[in-house]
N, C-alpha and C. Protein backbone atom coordinates (compact mmCIF):
# COMPACT_ATOMS: atom_id res chain seq x y z
N MET A 1 14.15 -9.97 104.73
CA MET A 1 13.67 -10.85 103.67
C MET A 1 14.75 -12.08 103.66
N ALA A 2 13.97 -13.23 103.21
CA ALA A 2 14.88 -14.54 103.37
C ALA A 2 15.90 -14.55 102.23
N ASN A 3 17.01 -15.12 102.50
CA ASN A 3 18.16 -15.39 101.58
C ASN A 3 17.87 -16.47 100.75
N LEU A 4 17.43 -16.34 99.55
CA LEU A 4 17.08 -17.39 98.95
C LEU A 4 18.11 -18.35 98.35
N GLN A 5 19.29 -17.66 97.95
CA GLN A 5 20.51 -18.38 97.76
C GLN A 5 21.08 -19.46 98.58
N VAL A 6 20.57 -19.07 99.91
CA VAL A 6 21.14 -20.19 100.89
C VAL A 6 20.32 -21.21 100.78
N ARG A 7 19.01 -21.40 100.61
CA ARG A 7 17.99 -22.54 100.53
C ARG A 7 18.38 -23.23 99.16
N ASP A 8 18.79 -22.48 98.27
CA ASP A 8 19.28 -22.89 97.01
C ASP A 8 20.43 -24.03 97.17
N THR A 9 21.33 -23.43 97.91
CA THR A 9 22.54 -23.90 98.02
C THR A 9 22.54 -25.31 99.07
N VAL A 10 21.81 -25.17 99.95
CA VAL A 10 21.41 -26.32 100.65
C VAL A 10 20.84 -27.48 99.98
N PHE A 11 19.78 -27.15 99.43
CA PHE A 11 19.13 -28.04 98.27
C PHE A 11 20.06 -28.72 97.43
N CYS A 12 21.01 -28.01 96.71
CA CYS A 12 21.76 -28.39 95.81
C CYS A 12 22.96 -29.36 96.43
N LYS A 13 23.44 -28.99 97.51
CA LYS A 13 24.43 -29.70 98.10
C LYS A 13 23.76 -31.27 98.77
N PHE A 14 22.57 -31.05 99.13
CA PHE A 14 21.98 -32.28 99.67
C PHE A 14 21.82 -33.17 98.55
N ILE A 15 20.91 -32.79 97.42
CA ILE A 15 20.70 -33.73 96.42
C ILE A 15 21.80 -33.99 95.60
N GLY A 16 22.60 -33.00 95.39
CA GLY A 16 23.67 -33.25 94.23
C GLY A 16 24.70 -34.25 94.36
N THR A 17 24.57 -35.31 94.92
CA THR A 17 25.50 -36.55 94.90
C THR A 17 24.97 -37.65 93.97
N GLU A 18 25.79 -38.26 93.53
CA GLU A 18 25.42 -39.38 92.58
C GLU A 18 24.34 -40.49 93.24
N SER A 19 24.53 -40.95 94.26
CA SER A 19 23.61 -41.79 95.07
C SER A 19 22.38 -41.26 95.19
N ASN A 20 22.14 -39.95 95.55
CA ASN A 20 20.77 -39.08 95.83
C ASN A 20 20.19 -38.99 94.56
N LEU A 21 20.98 -38.49 93.51
CA LEU A 21 20.36 -38.12 92.19
C LEU A 21 19.84 -39.53 91.60
N LEU A 22 20.54 -40.78 91.88
CA LEU A 22 20.01 -42.07 91.53
C LEU A 22 18.71 -42.37 91.90
N ASP A 23 18.62 -42.17 93.26
CA ASP A 23 17.43 -42.25 94.13
C ASP A 23 16.22 -41.68 93.43
N ILE A 24 16.46 -40.27 93.45
CA ILE A 24 15.61 -39.41 92.76
C ILE A 24 14.82 -39.85 91.59
N PHE A 25 15.85 -40.13 90.70
CA PHE A 25 15.68 -40.64 89.24
C PHE A 25 14.82 -41.82 89.31
N ASN A 26 15.09 -42.80 90.22
CA ASN A 26 14.41 -44.05 90.53
C ASN A 26 13.03 -43.76 90.92
N ALA A 27 12.76 -42.74 91.85
CA ALA A 27 11.47 -42.47 92.29
C ALA A 27 10.64 -41.69 91.20
N ILE A 28 11.12 -41.00 90.64
CA ILE A 28 10.43 -40.16 89.44
C ILE A 28 9.97 -41.10 88.05
N ARG A 29 10.99 -41.76 87.74
CA ARG A 29 10.79 -42.82 86.56
C ARG A 29 10.15 -44.05 86.92
N LYS A 30 10.12 -44.43 88.38
CA LYS A 30 9.69 -45.72 88.74
C LYS A 30 10.75 -46.96 87.90
N THR A 31 11.98 -46.47 88.23
CA THR A 31 13.06 -47.41 87.71
C THR A 31 13.69 -48.18 88.93
N HIS A 32 14.64 -49.07 88.67
CA HIS A 32 15.40 -49.82 89.65
C HIS A 32 16.83 -49.63 89.44
N TYR A 33 17.37 -48.47 89.00
CA TYR A 33 18.88 -48.38 88.78
C TYR A 33 19.54 -48.67 90.11
N THR A 34 20.59 -49.41 90.18
CA THR A 34 21.43 -49.48 91.33
C THR A 34 22.80 -48.96 91.55
N ASP A 35 23.31 -48.75 90.35
CA ASP A 35 24.86 -48.50 90.08
C ASP A 35 24.98 -46.82 90.04
N ALA A 36 25.50 -46.25 91.10
CA ALA A 36 25.56 -44.72 91.17
C ALA A 36 26.65 -44.15 90.13
N SER A 37 27.47 -45.22 90.00
CA SER A 37 28.76 -44.84 89.08
C SER A 37 28.21 -44.52 87.67
N LYS A 38 27.09 -44.88 87.26
CA LYS A 38 26.42 -44.54 85.96
C LYS A 38 26.03 -43.23 85.64
N VAL A 39 26.02 -42.43 86.83
CA VAL A 39 25.43 -40.97 86.97
C VAL A 39 26.66 -40.08 86.74
N LEU A 40 26.54 -39.26 85.84
CA LEU A 40 27.50 -38.16 85.45
C LEU A 40 26.84 -36.86 85.72
N ILE A 41 27.18 -36.32 86.73
CA ILE A 41 26.75 -34.77 87.27
C ILE A 41 27.06 -33.78 86.22
N THR A 42 26.36 -33.07 85.51
CA THR A 42 26.57 -32.14 84.56
C THR A 42 26.15 -30.86 84.76
N THR A 43 26.11 -30.27 86.13
CA THR A 43 25.35 -29.19 86.53
C THR A 43 26.34 -27.76 85.66
N LEU A 44 25.62 -27.17 85.38
CA LEU A 44 26.09 -25.84 84.67
C LEU A 44 26.57 -24.97 85.59
N ASP A 45 27.78 -24.46 85.73
CA ASP A 45 28.25 -23.39 86.77
C ASP A 45 28.74 -22.21 86.30
N GLY A 46 28.32 -21.79 85.27
CA GLY A 46 28.45 -20.41 84.84
C GLY A 46 29.97 -20.13 84.36
N SER A 47 30.72 -21.03 83.67
CA SER A 47 32.04 -21.18 83.43
C SER A 47 32.25 -20.09 82.39
N PHE A 48 33.45 -19.63 82.07
CA PHE A 48 33.72 -18.79 81.02
C PHE A 48 33.33 -19.13 79.62
N TYR A 49 33.11 -20.15 79.07
CA TYR A 49 32.52 -20.73 78.09
C TYR A 49 30.98 -20.30 77.95
N SER A 50 30.20 -20.31 79.11
CA SER A 50 28.75 -19.84 79.20
C SER A 50 28.61 -19.37 80.31
N ASN A 51 27.64 -18.26 80.45
CA ASN A 51 27.28 -17.98 81.71
C ASN A 51 25.88 -18.30 82.35
N LEU A 52 25.60 -19.65 81.72
CA LEU A 52 24.25 -20.07 82.28
C LEU A 52 24.62 -21.18 83.67
N LYS A 53 23.79 -20.89 84.42
CA LYS A 53 23.91 -21.82 85.84
C LYS A 53 22.48 -22.40 86.04
N ASN A 54 22.64 -23.60 86.16
CA ASN A 54 21.48 -24.56 86.80
C ASN A 54 21.62 -24.94 88.05
N ASP A 55 20.43 -25.36 88.72
CA ASP A 55 20.69 -26.03 90.11
C ASP A 55 21.31 -27.36 90.03
N ILE A 56 20.88 -28.39 89.25
CA ILE A 56 21.35 -29.79 89.12
C ILE A 56 20.98 -30.17 87.93
N SER A 57 21.79 -30.96 87.19
CA SER A 57 21.53 -31.72 86.07
C SER A 57 22.43 -32.77 86.09
N PHE A 58 22.18 -33.90 85.50
CA PHE A 58 22.96 -35.08 85.37
C PHE A 58 22.52 -36.00 84.25
N MET A 59 23.42 -36.87 83.86
CA MET A 59 23.13 -37.70 82.90
C MET A 59 23.19 -39.33 83.35
N LEU A 60 22.27 -40.19 82.98
CA LEU A 60 22.43 -41.70 83.22
C LEU A 60 22.73 -42.54 82.03
N ASP A 61 23.77 -43.23 82.40
CA ASP A 61 24.21 -44.12 81.47
C ASP A 61 24.24 -43.43 79.85
N THR A 62 24.54 -42.09 79.93
CA THR A 62 24.45 -41.15 78.57
C THR A 62 23.49 -41.46 77.76
N LEU A 63 22.38 -41.98 78.31
CA LEU A 63 20.98 -42.02 77.47
C LEU A 63 19.95 -41.13 78.08
N ILE A 64 19.93 -40.67 79.10
CA ILE A 64 18.83 -39.82 79.88
C ILE A 64 19.68 -38.50 80.51
N MET A 65 19.02 -37.45 80.17
CA MET A 65 19.57 -36.16 80.84
C MET A 65 18.48 -35.75 81.69
N MET A 66 18.81 -35.55 82.93
CA MET A 66 17.68 -35.03 83.89
C MET A 66 18.18 -33.38 84.52
N LEU A 67 17.25 -32.66 84.39
CA LEU A 67 17.57 -31.24 84.92
C LEU A 67 16.63 -31.02 86.11
N ILE A 68 17.15 -30.52 87.37
CA ILE A 68 16.00 -30.26 88.58
C ILE A 68 16.57 -28.89 88.93
N GLU A 69 15.30 -28.22 89.06
CA GLU A 69 15.45 -26.81 89.37
C GLU A 69 14.56 -26.70 90.72
N HIS A 70 15.07 -25.97 91.71
CA HIS A 70 14.53 -25.76 92.90
C HIS A 70 13.92 -24.19 92.83
N GLN A 71 12.69 -23.94 92.72
CA GLN A 71 11.95 -22.68 92.78
C GLN A 71 11.24 -22.47 93.79
N THR A 72 11.41 -21.26 94.55
CA THR A 72 10.93 -20.65 95.69
C THR A 72 9.74 -19.84 95.28
N THR A 73 9.71 -19.34 94.20
CA THR A 73 8.68 -18.56 93.69
C THR A 73 8.27 -19.17 92.20
N LEU A 74 7.15 -18.91 91.71
CA LEU A 74 6.51 -18.87 90.45
C LEU A 74 7.46 -18.30 89.30
N ASN A 75 7.78 -18.83 88.41
CA ASN A 75 8.58 -18.27 87.25
C ASN A 75 8.06 -18.78 85.83
N PRO A 76 7.19 -17.70 85.29
CA PRO A 76 6.69 -18.32 84.16
C PRO A 76 7.52 -18.68 83.00
N ASN A 77 8.97 -18.06 83.43
CA ASN A 77 9.90 -18.19 82.11
C ASN A 77 10.58 -19.47 82.04
N MET A 78 10.47 -20.22 83.08
CA MET A 78 11.17 -21.40 83.51
C MET A 78 11.13 -22.42 81.92
N PRO A 79 10.17 -22.64 81.32
CA PRO A 79 10.30 -23.35 80.11
C PRO A 79 11.49 -22.99 79.12
N ILE A 80 11.46 -21.61 79.02
CA ILE A 80 12.48 -21.05 78.27
C ILE A 80 14.05 -21.01 78.91
N ARG A 81 14.07 -20.90 79.95
CA ARG A 81 15.25 -21.31 80.81
C ARG A 81 15.77 -22.63 80.69
N LEU A 82 14.81 -23.51 80.74
CA LEU A 82 15.19 -25.01 80.58
C LEU A 82 15.82 -25.30 79.14
N LEU A 83 15.18 -24.70 78.24
CA LEU A 83 15.39 -24.89 76.97
C LEU A 83 16.91 -24.34 76.72
N GLY A 84 17.18 -23.36 77.39
CA GLY A 84 18.77 -22.82 77.25
C GLY A 84 19.59 -23.65 77.84
N TYR A 85 19.16 -24.23 79.17
CA TYR A 85 20.33 -25.31 79.74
C TYR A 85 20.44 -26.62 78.96
N VAL A 86 19.09 -27.08 78.39
CA VAL A 86 19.30 -28.25 77.53
C VAL A 86 20.38 -27.91 76.34
N ASP A 87 19.89 -26.94 75.45
CA ASP A 87 20.90 -26.61 74.51
C ASP A 87 22.39 -26.45 75.06
N GLU A 88 22.63 -25.82 76.02
CA GLU A 88 23.92 -25.69 76.59
C GLU A 88 24.43 -27.04 76.66
N LEU A 89 23.91 -28.02 77.75
CA LEU A 89 24.31 -29.39 77.88
C LEU A 89 24.52 -30.33 76.69
N PHE A 90 23.68 -30.11 75.65
CA PHE A 90 23.87 -30.79 74.36
C PHE A 90 25.04 -30.29 73.60
N ARG A 91 25.39 -29.05 73.67
CA ARG A 91 26.60 -28.42 73.07
C ARG A 91 27.76 -29.29 73.80
N ARG A 92 27.90 -29.23 75.10
CA ARG A 92 28.88 -29.75 75.84
C ARG A 92 29.11 -31.27 75.74
N TYR A 93 27.75 -32.00 75.39
CA TYR A 93 27.91 -33.30 75.07
C TYR A 93 28.45 -33.47 73.92
N MET A 94 28.15 -32.65 72.84
CA MET A 94 28.59 -32.69 71.38
C MET A 94 30.08 -32.49 71.11
N GLU A 95 30.66 -31.89 72.20
CA GLU A 95 32.04 -31.22 71.94
C GLU A 95 33.06 -32.06 71.25
N PRO A 96 32.90 -33.40 71.87
CA PRO A 96 33.95 -34.35 71.20
C PRO A 96 33.67 -34.84 69.71
N GLU A 97 32.47 -34.57 69.42
CA GLU A 97 31.96 -34.93 67.98
C GLU A 97 31.50 -34.16 67.54
N LYS A 98 31.99 -32.99 67.38
CA LYS A 98 31.67 -31.64 66.85
C LYS A 98 31.76 -31.80 65.17
N ARG A 99 32.52 -32.51 64.76
CA ARG A 99 32.87 -32.50 63.25
C ARG A 99 31.70 -33.32 62.83
N LYS A 100 31.32 -34.48 63.46
CA LYS A 100 30.38 -35.26 63.11
C LYS A 100 28.91 -34.63 62.68
N ILE A 101 28.82 -33.67 63.30
CA ILE A 101 27.46 -33.02 63.13
C ILE A 101 27.07 -32.91 61.75
N TYR A 102 27.85 -32.80 60.77
CA TYR A 102 27.55 -32.30 59.39
C TYR A 102 27.81 -33.83 58.55
N SER A 103 27.80 -35.08 59.46
CA SER A 103 27.98 -36.34 58.43
C SER A 103 26.54 -36.90 58.14
N THR A 104 26.35 -37.85 57.67
CA THR A 104 25.18 -38.26 57.39
C THR A 104 24.89 -39.52 58.65
N GLU A 105 25.67 -39.73 59.46
CA GLU A 105 25.42 -40.86 60.57
C GLU A 105 24.77 -39.87 61.66
N LEU A 106 23.94 -40.62 62.20
CA LEU A 106 22.97 -40.17 63.40
C LEU A 106 23.81 -40.09 64.72
N ILE A 107 23.86 -38.82 65.23
CA ILE A 107 24.43 -39.00 66.57
C ILE A 107 23.27 -38.98 67.62
N ARG A 108 23.51 -40.00 68.34
CA ARG A 108 22.44 -40.23 69.46
C ARG A 108 22.47 -39.28 70.66
N LEU A 109 21.61 -38.59 70.97
CA LEU A 109 21.73 -37.56 72.00
C LEU A 109 20.73 -38.16 73.27
N PRO A 110 21.09 -37.80 74.54
CA PRO A 110 20.40 -38.31 75.62
C PRO A 110 18.89 -37.73 75.66
N ASP A 111 18.16 -38.40 76.19
CA ASP A 111 16.63 -38.02 76.27
C ASP A 111 16.44 -37.08 77.41
N PRO A 112 16.35 -35.75 77.05
CA PRO A 112 16.06 -34.85 78.24
C PRO A 112 14.91 -35.02 79.13
């Protein structure tokens, strides 16, 4: 049986650089961003805080959040998994602003 973890690791290592992620983003969204320093990699790594792990996620200009998952088999639960990833990424994004969540001021979240 094939080792799916190896394929996943190769995929993540190859794609998971700021410049490659910017190229992928531009290809998918038909944009022309050029500054890879605007890419913030936010991949969940199963830290003590949360056991969630995703393949690759990043934010661009703190306005757009993109999640990329490498699937070798069909997974009908992927929408639920992605919802969990987005929830966790929003929680981490909001951590510095945690007290403001109860104020009347709108807190701008990145578009997933």
